[in-house]
């Protein structure tokens, strides 16, 4: 059942993104940025935790999940460190995912030998 919930949650997020691409003049970069901001805002008002609990990886892997992780990290750091946590919490919470993306990107670049299109 968890796989179905993750599939449905991630599928809805992707479908909304596709509708935004098809029906609006928004660029994909603005939509992706909007997804991160939406994740932060939904976590700030206490909604995204319930979505993440129900949807699992379908909610935490997309960009809304990145925003959720940033907001959750800030919330935790502010509770522990005070105002300084607002500056460091998001970076600490998301550092593992960002580091993994950089490492895997470098590994793929080495293995696939990318070159410029002509």
N, C-alpha and C. Protein backbone atom coordinates (compact mmCIF):
# COMPACT_ATOMS: atom_id res chain seq x y z
N UNK A 1 0.81 -1.19 0.00
CA UNK A 1 0.00 0.00 0.00
C UNK A 1 0.86 1.27 0.00
N UNK A 2 2.04 1.19 0.65
CA UNK A 2 2.94 2.34 0.69
C UNK A 2 3.41 2.73 -0.71
N UNK A 3 3.66 1.74 -1.55
CA UNK A 3 4.09 2.03 -2.93
C UNK A 3 2.99 2.75 -3.70
N UNK A 4 1.76 2.32 -3.52
CA UNK A 4 0.65 2.96 -4.20
C UNK A 4 0.47 4.40 -3.72
N UNK A 5 0.58 4.61 -2.42
CA UNK A 5 0.45 5.97 -1.89
C UNK A 5 1.57 6.87 -2.40
N UNK A 6 2.80 6.36 -2.43
CA UNK A 6 3.93 7.15 -2.94
C UNK A 6 3.73 7.46 -4.42
N UNK A 7 3.26 6.47 -5.18
CA UNK A 7 3.00 6.68 -6.60
C UNK A 7 1.93 7.74 -6.82
N UNK A 8 0.85 7.66 -6.07
CA UNK A 8 -0.24 8.63 -6.22
C UNK A 8 0.19 10.03 -5.83
N UNK A 9 0.89 10.15 -4.71
CA UNK A 9 1.34 11.46 -4.23
C UNK A 9 2.32 12.09 -5.22
N UNK A 10 3.34 11.34 -5.62
CA UNK A 10 4.31 11.85 -6.59
C UNK A 10 3.66 12.13 -7.94
N UNK A 11 2.72 11.28 -8.32
CA UNK A 11 2.02 11.47 -9.60
C UNK A 11 1.18 12.73 -9.62
N UNK A 12 0.52 13.02 -8.51
CA UNK A 12 -0.27 14.25 -8.43
C UNK A 12 0.65 15.47 -8.53
N UNK A 13 1.76 15.44 -7.81
CA UNK A 13 2.71 16.56 -7.88
C UNK A 13 3.23 16.76 -9.31
N UNK A 14 3.56 15.67 -9.98
CA UNK A 14 4.03 15.77 -11.36
C UNK A 14 2.94 16.24 -12.31
N UNK A 15 1.73 15.76 -12.11
CA UNK A 15 0.61 16.17 -12.96
C UNK A 15 0.33 17.66 -12.82
N UNK A 16 0.39 18.16 -11.59
CA UNK A 16 0.20 19.60 -11.38
C UNK A 16 1.29 20.39 -12.10
N UNK A 17 2.53 19.92 -12.00
CA UNK A 17 3.62 20.58 -12.71
C UNK A 17 3.42 20.57 -14.21
N UNK A 18 2.96 19.46 -14.75
CA UNK A 18 2.71 19.38 -16.19
C UNK A 18 1.59 20.30 -16.61
N UNK A 19 0.55 20.37 -15.80
CA UNK A 19 -0.55 21.30 -16.10
C UNK A 19 -0.06 22.75 -16.09
N UNK A 20 0.80 23.08 -15.14
CA UNK A 20 1.36 24.44 -15.10
C UNK A 20 2.19 24.73 -16.35
N UNK A 21 2.94 23.75 -16.83
CA UNK A 21 3.72 23.94 -18.05
C UNK A 21 2.81 24.12 -19.25
N UNK A 22 1.77 23.28 -19.34
CA UNK A 22 0.88 23.30 -20.50
C UNK A 22 -0.07 24.49 -20.54
N UNK A 23 -0.58 24.90 -19.39
CA UNK A 23 -1.66 25.87 -19.35
C UNK A 23 -1.24 27.29 -18.97
N UNK A 24 0.00 27.50 -18.57
CA UNK A 24 0.45 28.84 -18.19
C UNK A 24 1.68 29.21 -19.00
N UNK A 25 2.11 30.43 -18.85
CA UNK A 25 3.32 30.92 -19.51
C UNK A 25 4.54 30.79 -18.60
N UNK A 26 4.39 30.10 -17.47
CA UNK A 26 5.50 29.94 -16.54
C UNK A 26 6.58 29.07 -17.16
N UNK A 27 7.82 29.44 -16.93
CA UNK A 27 8.94 28.62 -17.41
C UNK A 27 9.14 27.45 -16.43
N UNK A 28 9.74 26.37 -16.90
CA UNK A 28 10.00 25.25 -15.99
C UNK A 28 10.83 25.65 -14.77
N UNK A 29 11.78 26.56 -14.94
CA UNK A 29 12.59 27.00 -13.80
C UNK A 29 11.73 27.69 -12.75
N UNK A 30 10.77 28.49 -13.17
CA UNK A 30 9.89 29.17 -12.21
C UNK A 30 8.96 28.17 -11.53
N UNK A 31 8.53 27.17 -12.25
CA UNK A 31 7.68 26.15 -11.65
C UNK A 31 8.47 25.35 -10.61
N UNK A 32 9.69 24.98 -10.94
CA UNK A 32 10.52 24.23 -9.99
C UNK A 32 10.79 25.05 -8.74
N UNK A 33 11.09 26.34 -8.92
CA UNK A 33 11.30 27.22 -7.78
C UNK A 33 10.02 27.34 -6.96
N UNK A 34 8.90 27.45 -7.64
CA UNK A 34 7.62 27.51 -6.95
C UNK A 34 7.33 26.26 -6.14
N UNK A 35 7.75 25.11 -6.64
CA UNK A 35 7.57 23.86 -5.89
C UNK A 35 8.37 23.88 -4.60
N UNK A 36 9.61 24.37 -4.66
CA UNK A 36 10.43 24.44 -3.44
C UNK A 36 9.78 25.38 -2.44
N UNK A 37 9.36 26.55 -2.90
CA UNK A 37 8.71 27.53 -2.02
C UNK A 37 7.41 26.95 -1.46
N UNK A 38 6.65 26.24 -2.28
CA UNK A 38 5.40 25.62 -1.80
C UNK A 38 5.69 24.62 -0.69
N UNK A 39 6.75 23.84 -0.84
CA UNK A 39 7.13 22.89 0.21
C UNK A 39 7.45 23.59 1.52
N UNK A 40 8.18 24.71 1.42
CA UNK A 40 8.51 25.48 2.62
C UNK A 40 7.25 26.05 3.26
N UNK A 41 6.39 26.65 2.45
CA UNK A 41 5.17 27.26 2.99
C UNK A 41 4.22 26.23 3.58
N UNK A 42 4.07 25.10 2.90
CA UNK A 42 3.18 24.06 3.42
C UNK A 42 3.70 23.47 4.73
N UNK A 43 5.01 23.36 4.86
CA UNK A 43 5.59 22.90 6.13
C UNK A 43 5.43 23.97 7.21
N UNK A 44 5.56 25.23 6.83
CA UNK A 44 5.44 26.32 7.80
C UNK A 44 4.04 26.38 8.41
N UNK A 45 3.02 26.06 7.63
CA UNK A 45 1.66 26.07 8.17
C UNK A 45 1.23 24.71 8.72
N UNK A 46 2.13 23.73 8.66
CA UNK A 46 1.87 22.44 9.28
C UNK A 46 1.12 21.43 8.44
N UNK A 47 1.06 21.64 7.12
CA UNK A 47 0.30 20.75 6.25
C UNK A 47 1.19 19.66 5.64
N UNK A 48 2.42 20.00 5.29
CA UNK A 48 3.23 19.07 4.51
C UNK A 48 3.66 17.84 5.29
N UNK A 49 3.74 17.93 6.62
CA UNK A 49 4.11 16.76 7.41
C UNK A 49 3.09 15.64 7.22
N UNK A 50 1.80 16.00 7.18
CA UNK A 50 0.75 15.00 6.96
C UNK A 50 0.86 14.41 5.56
N UNK A 51 1.17 15.25 4.57
CA UNK A 51 1.35 14.77 3.19
C UNK A 51 2.54 13.81 3.14
N UNK A 52 3.64 14.17 3.79
CA UNK A 52 4.84 13.32 3.79
C UNK A 52 4.58 12.01 4.53
N UNK A 53 3.83 12.06 5.60
CA UNK A 53 3.51 10.83 6.33
C UNK A 53 2.66 9.89 5.46
N UNK A 54 1.72 10.45 4.70
CA UNK A 54 0.86 9.61 3.86
C UNK A 54 1.58 9.19 2.57
N UNK A 55 2.22 10.11 1.90
CA UNK A 55 2.80 9.83 0.59
C UNK A 55 4.20 9.28 0.61
N UNK A 56 4.88 9.32 1.72
CA UNK A 56 6.24 8.78 1.83
C UNK A 56 7.17 9.41 0.81
N UNK A 57 7.88 8.56 0.06
CA UNK A 57 8.85 9.05 -0.92
C UNK A 57 8.19 9.85 -2.04
N UNK A 58 6.93 9.63 -2.29
CA UNK A 58 6.22 10.41 -3.30
C UNK A 58 6.08 11.87 -2.91
N UNK A 59 6.23 12.16 -1.62
CA UNK A 59 6.15 13.54 -1.14
C UNK A 59 7.52 14.11 -0.79
N UNK A 60 8.46 13.26 -0.39
CA UNK A 60 9.75 13.77 0.06
C UNK A 60 10.81 13.84 -1.03
N UNK A 61 10.66 13.09 -2.11
CA UNK A 61 11.66 13.09 -3.18
C UNK A 61 11.50 14.27 -4.14
N UNK A 62 10.29 14.67 -4.55
CA UNK A 62 10.17 15.81 -5.46
C UNK A 62 10.66 17.12 -4.82
N UNK A 63 10.67 18.17 -5.59
CA UNK A 63 11.18 19.45 -5.10
C UNK A 63 10.38 20.02 -3.94
N UNK A 64 9.12 19.70 -3.83
CA UNK A 64 8.37 20.14 -2.66
C UNK A 64 8.96 19.51 -1.41
N UNK A 65 9.47 18.31 -1.54
CA UNK A 65 10.13 17.64 -0.42
C UNK A 65 11.42 18.32 -0.03
N UNK A 66 12.13 18.91 -1.00
CA UNK A 66 13.34 19.67 -0.70
C UNK A 66 12.99 20.90 0.13
N UNK A 67 11.94 21.60 -0.27
CA UNK A 67 11.49 22.75 0.51
C UNK A 67 11.04 22.34 1.91
N UNK A 68 10.37 21.20 1.99
CA UNK A 68 9.93 20.65 3.27
C UNK A 68 11.13 20.36 4.16
N UNK A 69 12.18 19.77 3.60
CA UNK A 69 13.39 19.47 4.37
C UNK A 69 14.07 20.75 4.86
N UNK A 70 14.11 21.76 4.00
CA UNK A 70 14.69 23.04 4.41
C UNK A 70 13.93 23.64 5.59
N UNK A 71 12.60 23.68 5.47
CA UNK A 71 11.79 24.28 6.53
C UNK A 71 11.87 23.48 7.82
N UNK A 72 11.87 22.17 7.70
CA UNK A 72 11.95 21.31 8.88
C UNK A 72 13.30 21.49 9.58
N UNK A 73 14.37 21.62 8.80
CA UNK A 73 15.70 21.86 9.36
C UNK A 73 15.78 23.19 10.07
N UNK A 74 15.21 24.22 9.48
CA UNK A 74 15.19 25.54 10.11
C UNK A 74 14.40 25.49 11.41
N UNK A 75 13.26 24.85 11.38
CA UNK A 75 12.42 24.74 12.58
C UNK A 75 13.18 24.07 13.72
N UNK A 76 13.86 22.98 13.41
CA UNK A 76 14.61 22.24 14.42
C UNK A 76 15.79 23.06 14.94
N UNK A 77 16.53 23.71 14.03
CA UNK A 77 17.70 24.49 14.43
C UNK A 77 17.31 25.71 15.26
N UNK A 78 16.20 26.36 14.93
CA UNK A 78 15.75 27.51 15.71
C UNK A 78 15.39 27.07 17.12
N UNK A 79 14.77 25.92 17.24
CA UNK A 79 14.41 25.41 18.57
C UNK A 79 15.66 25.11 19.40
N UNK A 80 16.75 24.68 18.75
CA UNK A 80 17.96 24.32 19.47
C UNK A 80 18.92 25.49 19.66
N UNK A 81 19.08 26.34 18.63
CA UNK A 81 20.12 27.36 18.65
C UNK A 81 19.59 28.79 18.69
N UNK A 82 18.32 28.97 18.57
CA UNK A 82 17.77 30.32 18.54
C UNK A 82 17.80 30.90 17.14
N UNK A 83 17.93 32.22 17.06
CA UNK A 83 17.85 32.91 15.78
C UNK A 83 18.92 32.47 14.78
N UNK A 84 20.11 32.11 15.27
CA UNK A 84 21.17 31.65 14.37
C UNK A 84 20.74 30.41 13.60
N UNK A 85 19.87 29.60 14.18
CA UNK A 85 19.37 28.40 13.52
C UNK A 85 18.59 28.70 12.25
N UNK A 86 18.01 29.89 12.16
CA UNK A 86 17.28 30.27 10.95
C UNK A 86 18.22 30.36 9.75
N UNK A 87 19.48 30.66 10.00
CA UNK A 87 20.46 30.76 8.91
C UNK A 87 21.15 29.44 8.60
N UNK A 88 21.29 28.58 9.60
CA UNK A 88 22.06 27.35 9.40
C UNK A 88 21.21 26.09 9.27
N UNK A 89 20.00 26.10 9.76
CA UNK A 89 19.18 24.88 9.82
C UNK A 89 18.85 24.29 8.47
N UNK A 90 18.47 25.13 7.51
CA UNK A 90 18.13 24.63 6.18
C UNK A 90 19.32 24.03 5.47
N UNK A 91 20.48 24.68 5.62
CA UNK A 91 21.69 24.16 4.99
C UNK A 91 22.09 22.82 5.58
N UNK A 92 21.99 22.70 6.88
CA UNK A 92 22.34 21.45 7.55
C UNK A 92 21.39 20.33 7.14
N UNK A 93 20.11 20.62 7.09
CA UNK A 93 19.12 19.60 6.77
C UNK A 93 19.22 19.10 5.34
N UNK A 94 19.58 19.97 4.42
CA UNK A 94 19.61 19.60 3.00
C UNK A 94 21.00 19.24 2.50
N UNK A 95 22.01 19.33 3.35
CA UNK A 95 23.38 19.14 2.87
C UNK A 95 23.64 17.73 2.35
N UNK A 96 23.04 16.72 2.94
CA UNK A 96 23.26 15.35 2.47
C UNK A 96 22.75 15.15 1.06
N UNK A 97 21.55 15.63 0.78
CA UNK A 97 20.98 15.51 -0.56
C UNK A 97 21.74 16.30 -1.61
N UNK A 98 22.16 17.50 -1.25
CA UNK A 98 22.93 18.33 -2.19
C UNK A 98 24.29 17.69 -2.46
N UNK A 99 24.94 17.20 -1.41
CA UNK A 99 26.24 16.55 -1.59
C UNK A 99 26.12 15.30 -2.46
N UNK A 100 25.07 14.51 -2.25
CA UNK A 100 24.86 13.32 -3.06
C UNK A 100 24.63 13.69 -4.52
N UNK A 101 23.87 14.74 -4.78
CA UNK A 101 23.62 15.18 -6.16
C UNK A 101 24.92 15.60 -6.84
N UNK A 102 25.77 16.31 -6.12
CA UNK A 102 27.05 16.74 -6.70
C UNK A 102 27.94 15.53 -6.97
N UNK A 103 28.05 14.62 -6.01
CA UNK A 103 28.92 13.44 -6.19
C UNK A 103 28.43 12.58 -7.34
N UNK A 104 27.13 12.29 -7.39
CA UNK A 104 26.61 11.46 -8.47
C UNK A 104 26.71 12.16 -9.81
N UNK A 105 26.58 13.47 -9.83
CA UNK A 105 26.76 14.23 -11.07
C UNK A 105 28.17 14.13 -11.59
N UNK A 106 29.14 14.23 -10.70
CA UNK A 106 30.55 14.11 -11.10
C UNK A 106 30.84 12.69 -11.59
N UNK A 107 30.33 11.70 -10.87
CA UNK A 107 30.56 10.30 -11.28
C UNK A 107 29.97 10.06 -12.67
N UNK A 108 28.77 10.53 -12.92
CA UNK A 108 28.15 10.33 -14.24
C UNK A 108 28.91 11.09 -15.32
N UNK A 109 29.40 12.27 -15.00
CA UNK A 109 30.18 13.04 -15.98
C UNK A 109 31.46 12.31 -16.34
N UNK A 110 32.09 11.67 -15.36
CA UNK A 110 33.31 10.92 -15.64
C UNK A 110 33.01 9.67 -16.45
N UNK A 111 31.93 8.97 -16.09
CA UNK A 111 31.60 7.72 -16.78
C UNK A 111 31.07 7.95 -18.20
N UNK A 112 30.30 8.99 -18.40
CA UNK A 112 29.63 9.18 -19.68
C UNK A 112 30.39 10.11 -20.64
N UNK A 113 31.41 10.77 -20.17
CA UNK A 113 32.22 11.68 -20.99
C UNK A 113 31.35 12.65 -21.80
N UNK A 114 30.70 13.58 -21.12
CA UNK A 114 29.84 14.53 -21.84
C UNK A 114 30.65 15.46 -22.73
N UNK A 115 30.04 15.91 -23.78
CA UNK A 115 30.69 16.86 -24.67
C UNK A 115 29.64 17.82 -25.20
N UNK A 116 30.09 18.95 -25.71
CA UNK A 116 29.17 19.97 -26.22
C UNK A 116 28.48 19.49 -27.49
N UNK A 117 27.23 19.94 -27.65
CA UNK A 117 26.50 19.65 -28.89
C UNK A 117 27.01 20.57 -29.97
N UNK A 118 26.98 20.11 -31.18
CA UNK A 118 27.47 20.94 -32.29
C UNK A 118 26.35 21.48 -33.09
